[in-house]
Protein backbone atom coordinates (compact mmCIF):
# COMPACT_ATOMS: atom_id res chain seq x y z
CA UNK A 1 -86.95 129.06 94.26
CA UNK A 2 -84.14 127.95 91.99
CA UNK A 3 -83.37 124.26 91.77
CA UNK A 4 -79.75 123.88 93.07
CA UNK A 5 -78.85 121.60 90.18
CA UNK A 6 -79.76 122.79 86.70
CA UNK A 7 -79.09 120.33 83.91
CA UNK A 8 -77.72 121.79 80.70
CA UNK A 9 -77.36 119.53 77.66
CA UNK A 10 -74.48 120.27 75.34
CA UNK A 11 -73.40 117.96 72.51
CA UNK A 12 -75.16 115.06 74.16
CA UNK A 13 -73.28 115.48 77.45
CA UNK A 14 -74.83 116.56 80.75
CA UNK A 15 -73.04 119.40 82.51
CA UNK A 16 -74.11 120.08 86.09
CA UNK A 17 -74.29 123.65 87.32
CA UNK A 18 -74.24 123.98 91.09
CA UNK A 19 -76.03 127.13 92.26
CA UNK A 20 -75.36 128.09 95.82
CA UNK A 21 -77.54 130.61 97.69
CA UNK A 22 -76.27 134.09 96.83
CA UNK A 23 -72.90 132.63 95.67
CA UNK A 24 -73.51 132.57 91.89
CA UNK A 25 -72.90 129.55 89.65
CA UNK A 26 -69.92 127.20 89.68
CA UNK A 27 -69.47 125.27 86.43
CA UNK A 28 -67.74 121.90 86.39
CA UNK A 29 -64.97 122.14 83.79
CA UNK A 30 -65.34 119.98 80.68
CA UNK A 31 -62.36 117.84 81.72
CA UNK A 32 -63.47 117.36 85.34
CA UNK A 33 -64.08 113.64 84.87
CA UNK A 34 -61.26 112.97 82.37
CA UNK A 35 -58.17 111.11 83.54
CA UNK A 36 -54.79 111.31 81.86
CA UNK A 37 -53.47 107.75 81.78
CA UNK A 38 -49.69 107.42 81.67
CA UNK A 39 -47.72 104.25 81.08
CA UNK A 40 -44.31 102.87 80.23
CA UNK A 41 -42.54 99.84 78.87
CA UNK A 42 -41.80 97.55 81.87
CA UNK A 43 -38.02 97.66 81.51
CA UNK A 44 -37.24 97.43 85.23
CA UNK A 45 -38.74 95.85 88.34
CA UNK A 46 -42.38 96.83 89.11
CA UNK A 47 -41.57 98.39 92.49
CA UNK A 48 -39.21 100.92 90.92
CA UNK A 49 -41.64 101.65 88.08
CA UNK A 50 -44.58 102.17 90.44
CA UNK A 51 -42.53 104.66 92.46
CA UNK A 52 -41.23 106.50 89.39
CA UNK A 53 -44.53 106.90 87.57
CA UNK A 54 -46.65 107.27 90.69
CA UNK A 55 -44.64 110.33 91.73
CA UNK A 56 -44.71 111.70 88.18
CA UNK A 57 -48.50 111.25 88.05
CA UNK A 58 -48.88 113.28 91.25
CA UNK A 59 -46.62 116.05 89.92
CA UNK A 60 -48.41 116.30 86.57
CA UNK A 61 -51.82 116.26 88.25
CA UNK A 62 -50.83 119.18 90.48
CA UNK A 63 -49.41 121.17 87.58
CA UNK A 64 -52.10 120.47 84.98
CA UNK A 65 -55.10 120.39 87.36
CA UNK A 66 -56.40 117.11 85.95
CA UNK A 67 -56.57 113.57 87.26
CA UNK A 68 -53.44 111.62 86.27
CA UNK A 69 -53.06 107.86 86.82
CA UNK A 70 -50.21 105.46 86.14
CA UNK A 71 -51.42 102.27 84.43
CA UNK A 72 -48.82 99.45 84.43
CA UNK A 73 -48.66 96.93 81.58
CA UNK A 74 -47.35 93.38 81.48
CA UNK A 75 -44.85 93.63 78.63
CA UNK A 76 -43.49 95.83 75.83
CA UNK A 77 -46.07 94.86 73.15
CA UNK A 78 -48.86 95.54 75.67
CA UNK A 79 -47.65 99.14 76.03
CA UNK A 80 -47.81 99.64 72.25
CA UNK A 81 -51.25 98.02 72.07
CA UNK A 82 -52.67 100.08 74.97
CA UNK A 83 -51.43 103.27 73.34
CA UNK A 84 -52.98 102.31 69.99
CA UNK A 85 -56.38 101.53 71.52
CA UNK A 86 -56.42 104.67 73.68
CA UNK A 87 -56.07 102.88 77.03
CA UNK A 88 -52.88 104.91 77.56
CA UNK A 89 -52.51 108.60 76.65
CA UNK A 90 -48.84 109.28 77.40
CA UNK A 91 -46.19 106.56 77.35
CA UNK A 92 -42.48 106.37 78.08
CA UNK A 93 -41.32 104.21 75.18
CA UNK A 94 -37.97 102.88 74.10
CA UNK A 95 -36.72 103.73 70.62
CA UNK A 96 -38.24 100.67 68.93
CA UNK A 97 -41.57 100.61 70.79
CA UNK A 98 -41.99 104.36 70.28
CA UNK A 99 -41.66 103.90 66.53
CA UNK A 100 -44.07 100.96 66.58
CA UNK A 101 -46.59 103.01 68.57
CA UNK A 102 -46.40 106.04 66.28
CA UNK A 103 -46.73 103.92 63.13
CA UNK A 104 -49.86 102.32 64.60
CA UNK A 105 -51.31 105.59 65.93
CA UNK A 106 -51.36 108.29 63.22
CA UNK A 107 -50.97 111.77 64.69
CA UNK A 108 -49.11 110.65 67.81
CA UNK A 109 -46.34 113.07 68.81
CA UNK A 110 -42.89 112.81 70.33
CA UNK A 111 -42.81 115.19 73.31
CA UNK A 112 -39.45 114.81 75.05
CA UNK A 113 -36.46 112.66 75.92
CA UNK A 114 -33.65 112.76 78.45
CA UNK A 115 -30.38 114.30 77.33
CA UNK A 116 -28.78 110.83 77.52
CA UNK A 117 -31.35 109.40 75.08
CA UNK A 118 -29.93 111.25 72.09
CA UNK A 119 -26.69 109.28 72.50
CA UNK A 120 -27.64 106.17 74.41
CA UNK A 121 -25.44 103.14 75.06
CA UNK A 122 -25.91 99.51 75.95
CA UNK A 123 -23.28 97.46 77.73
CA UNK A 124 -22.44 93.80 77.27
CA UNK A 125 -21.87 92.14 80.63
CA UNK A 126 -20.34 88.77 81.47
CA UNK A 127 -20.09 86.44 84.42
CA UNK A 128 -16.46 86.43 85.52
CA UNK A 129 -16.37 82.61 85.39
CA UNK A 130 -17.09 82.69 81.63
CA UNK A 131 -13.49 83.65 80.84
CA UNK A 132 -14.55 86.50 78.56
CA UNK A 133 -12.07 89.34 78.19
CA UNK A 134 -12.84 93.05 77.58
CA UNK A 135 -13.78 93.72 73.96
CA UNK A 136 -12.17 96.66 72.18
CA UNK A 137 -14.06 96.56 68.87
CA UNK A 138 -17.25 95.21 67.32
CA UNK A 139 -15.26 92.36 65.78
CA UNK A 140 -14.42 91.18 69.30
CA UNK A 141 -18.07 90.19 69.81
CA UNK A 142 -17.13 86.94 68.04
CA UNK A 143 -15.87 85.75 71.43
CA UNK A 144 -19.51 85.36 72.49
CA UNK A 145 -20.11 82.48 70.07
CA UNK A 146 -20.95 79.32 71.98
CA UNK A 147 -21.76 81.20 75.20
CA UNK A 148 -25.07 81.21 77.06
CA UNK A 149 -26.30 84.69 76.16
CA UNK A 150 -29.46 86.61 77.09
CA UNK A 151 -31.12 89.74 75.80
CA UNK A 152 -33.71 91.64 77.84
CA UNK A 153 -37.20 92.00 76.38
CA UNK A 154 -37.67 90.90 72.78
CA UNK A 155 -38.83 94.46 71.94
CA UNK A 156 -36.17 96.31 73.93
CA UNK A 157 -34.06 98.79 71.96
CA UNK A 158 -31.08 98.77 74.33
CA UNK A 159 -31.57 95.22 75.61
CA UNK A 160 -32.12 93.48 72.28
CA UNK A 161 -32.49 95.47 69.03
CA UNK A 162 -29.22 97.42 68.98
CA UNK A 163 -27.13 94.73 70.70
CA UNK A 164 -28.33 92.24 68.07
CA UNK A 165 -27.54 94.80 65.38
CA UNK A 166 -23.95 95.13 66.58
CA UNK A 167 -23.61 91.36 66.95
CA UNK A 168 -24.77 91.01 63.34
CA UNK A 169 -22.09 93.48 62.25
CA UNK A 170 -19.54 91.12 63.86
CA UNK A 171 -21.06 88.17 62.04
CA UNK A 172 -22.64 86.70 65.17
CA UNK A 173 -26.22 85.37 65.02
CA UNK A 174 -28.38 84.12 67.93
CA UNK A 175 -28.11 80.58 66.51
CA UNK A 176 -24.40 80.66 67.35
CA UNK A 177 -25.02 81.01 71.08
CA UNK A 178 -25.08 77.95 73.33
CA UNK A 179 -28.24 75.97 72.73
CA UNK A 180 -28.69 77.52 69.30
CA UNK A 181 -30.53 80.59 70.56
CA UNK A 182 -30.39 83.59 72.89
CA UNK A 183 -32.47 83.94 76.02
CA UNK A 184 -34.91 86.76 76.76
CA UNK A 185 -34.94 87.81 80.40
CA UNK A 186 -37.81 90.29 80.08
CA UNK A 187 -36.06 93.32 81.62
CA UNK A 188 -32.65 94.88 82.24
CA UNK A 189 -32.75 94.10 85.99
CA UNK A 190 -33.47 90.46 85.22
CA UNK A 191 -30.59 90.27 82.73
CA UNK A 192 -28.14 91.56 85.34
CA UNK A 193 -29.43 89.06 87.91
CA UNK A 194 -29.28 86.11 85.50
CA UNK A 195 -25.73 86.87 84.33
CA UNK A 196 -24.55 87.52 87.88
CA UNK A 197 -26.00 84.20 89.04
CA UNK A 198 -24.34 82.32 86.20
CA UNK A 199 -27.61 81.20 84.60
CA UNK A 200 -26.29 82.98 81.52
CA UNK A 201 -22.64 83.69 80.82
CA UNK A 202 -23.26 87.05 79.13
CA UNK A 203 -26.01 89.50 78.23
CA UNK A 204 -26.82 93.02 77.03
CA UNK A 205 -28.37 95.75 79.17
CA UNK A 206 -29.05 99.49 79.23
CA UNK A 207 -25.99 101.34 80.49
CA UNK A 208 -28.01 103.71 82.76
CA UNK A 209 -29.78 100.74 84.39
CA UNK A 210 -26.42 99.03 84.89
CA UNK A 211 -24.97 102.18 86.47
CA UNK A 212 -27.93 102.48 88.86
CA UNK A 213 -27.57 98.81 89.82
CA UNK A 214 -23.88 99.35 90.56
CA UNK A 215 -24.65 102.50 92.57
CA UNK A 216 -27.31 100.70 94.59
CA UNK A 217 -25.06 97.76 95.41
CA UNK A 218 -26.98 95.28 93.23
CA UNK A 219 -23.86 94.25 91.32
CA UNK A 220 -21.12 92.02 92.70
CA UNK A 221 -17.97 92.99 90.74
CA UNK A 222 -16.44 89.61 91.64
CA UNK A 223 -19.23 87.86 89.71
CA UNK A 224 -20.21 90.14 86.81
CA UNK A 225 -18.44 92.84 84.80
CA UNK A 226 -18.82 95.02 81.69
CA UNK A 227 -16.87 93.68 78.72
CA UNK A 228 -18.04 96.09 75.98
CA UNK A 229 -19.91 99.36 75.50
CA UNK A 230 -21.83 99.91 72.27
CA UNK A 231 -21.61 102.92 69.97
CA UNK A 232 -24.35 105.51 70.74
CA UNK A 233 -27.89 105.40 69.37
CA UNK A 234 -31.23 107.15 70.02
CA UNK A 235 -33.55 105.60 72.58
CA UNK A 236 -36.24 106.45 75.14
CA UNK A 237 -38.85 109.17 74.60
CA UNK A 238 -42.29 110.37 75.68
CA UNK A 239 -45.03 109.83 73.08
CA UNK A 240 -48.53 111.32 73.39
CA UNK A 241 -51.81 110.46 71.68
CA UNK A 242 -53.23 112.94 69.13
CA UNK A 243 -56.62 113.67 70.77
CA UNK A 244 -55.71 115.18 74.15
CA UNK A 245 -56.67 118.76 73.23
CA UNK A 246 -60.19 117.54 72.45
CA UNK A 247 -60.46 115.73 75.79
CA UNK A 248 -58.73 118.19 78.10
CA UNK A 249 -59.04 121.51 76.32
CA UNK A 250 -57.23 123.56 73.70
CA UNK A 251 -53.47 123.71 74.18
CA UNK A 252 -53.34 120.83 76.67
CA UNK A 253 -50.68 118.87 74.78
CA UNK A 254 -48.40 121.91 74.77
CA UNK A 255 -48.99 122.39 78.51
CA UNK A 256 -48.16 118.74 79.12
CA UNK A 257 -44.91 119.04 77.20
CA UNK A 258 -43.95 122.18 79.12
CA UNK A 259 -44.65 120.42 82.42
CA UNK A 260 -42.33 117.55 81.50
CA UNK A 261 -39.60 119.83 80.14
CA UNK A 262 -39.96 122.04 83.20
CA UNK A 263 -39.06 119.37 85.75
CA UNK A 264 -36.02 120.71 87.55
CA UNK A 265 -33.56 119.40 90.17
CA UNK A 266 -33.99 122.63 92.14
CA UNK A 267 -37.46 121.44 93.21
CA UNK A 268 -37.19 118.61 95.76
CA UNK A 269 -40.09 116.48 94.49
CA UNK A 270 -39.12 117.02 90.86
CA UNK A 271 -35.51 116.21 91.70
CA UNK A 272 -36.61 112.81 93.03
CA UNK A 273 -38.58 112.13 89.85
CA UNK A 274 -35.60 113.02 87.67
CA UNK A 275 -33.33 110.79 89.75
CA UNK A 276 -35.75 107.89 89.27
CA UNK A 277 -35.42 108.47 85.52
CA UNK A 278 -31.61 108.69 85.82
CA UNK A 279 -31.93 112.13 84.24
CA UNK A 280 -30.82 115.68 84.94
CA UNK A 281 -33.56 117.20 82.78
CA UNK A 282 -35.95 116.30 79.98
CA UNK A 283 -35.25 117.99 76.63
CA UNK A 284 -37.24 118.38 73.38
CA UNK A 285 -37.07 115.48 70.92
CA UNK A 286 -37.89 115.01 67.23
CA UNK A 287 -39.17 111.98 65.31
CA UNK A 288 -36.20 112.27 62.94
CA UNK A 289 -33.84 111.26 65.76
CA UNK A 290 -35.30 107.74 65.72
CA UNK A 291 -35.03 107.05 61.99
CA UNK A 292 -31.83 104.97 62.41
CA UNK A 293 -33.68 102.79 64.94
CA UNK A 294 -36.53 102.31 62.48
CA UNK A 295 -34.05 101.23 59.81
CA UNK A 296 -32.49 98.62 62.10
CA UNK A 297 -35.95 97.51 63.26
CA UNK A 298 -36.97 96.83 59.68
CA UNK A 299 -33.71 95.00 58.95
CA UNK A 300 -34.29 92.68 61.92
CA UNK A 301 -37.98 92.20 61.17
CA UNK A 302 -39.25 94.02 64.28
CA UNK A 303 -40.97 96.69 62.14
CA UNK A 304 -42.90 95.81 59.00
């Protein structure tokens, strides 16, 4: 009589073979217990992020036939740290955090971006009571001197890095804001809420997040308005750790990239995921696209 569970040792691991009467042997795949952990910078409210990445995790799990789990993090630096230590395998980073993560994790790869990320924009918004007029050029940012101004997260590309870069081009430093410094709201949603409430007179946010907020009725045009749109720059992208083929099998990273690039609005569930990303499709991306962000990051001391 054959024991129904035969233990086979291979490279120190125990693989269980289940033998069923007259049915032959079924072998547990090497990646049966592995979980692909996905994460993201917390640039919006947790409820929206949980919905976005929870649905994406389900879609990728069905396509790739592996367990996929969304692991939220508390802030932008935590996303970079979790990626470096291997607690996260695939992360939706902003331009700056993606560069930080790749510099700290040799071999990490850029997989994809949205079409809008190649030419991304931030918008400067102002409370209508602040008396700020629309700005037609970078030089017009001087009108923000002496105002209560807030960025988003300290590590946000579209909510801090590039807005501060353009302010610097106009000769405006954070010390010239009211109180001798800028605020940091922590996220784009929070920036919109703080400027709309009047806690801050102006701030900088991601244009796609602003557009979604307007569409969803979260913006009162009588209280807050856009006063300037930045020139375009590269931003968000998917970055993957270098060891996934060893954990999940040869060619897994390529399969993962194809699954992300293959999300289409013609599929109802995938359409919902794309809408949550404010995207029509994901497209291939290259590290070279983010070199200008790295240059600005080094100039402002965010990359060393």
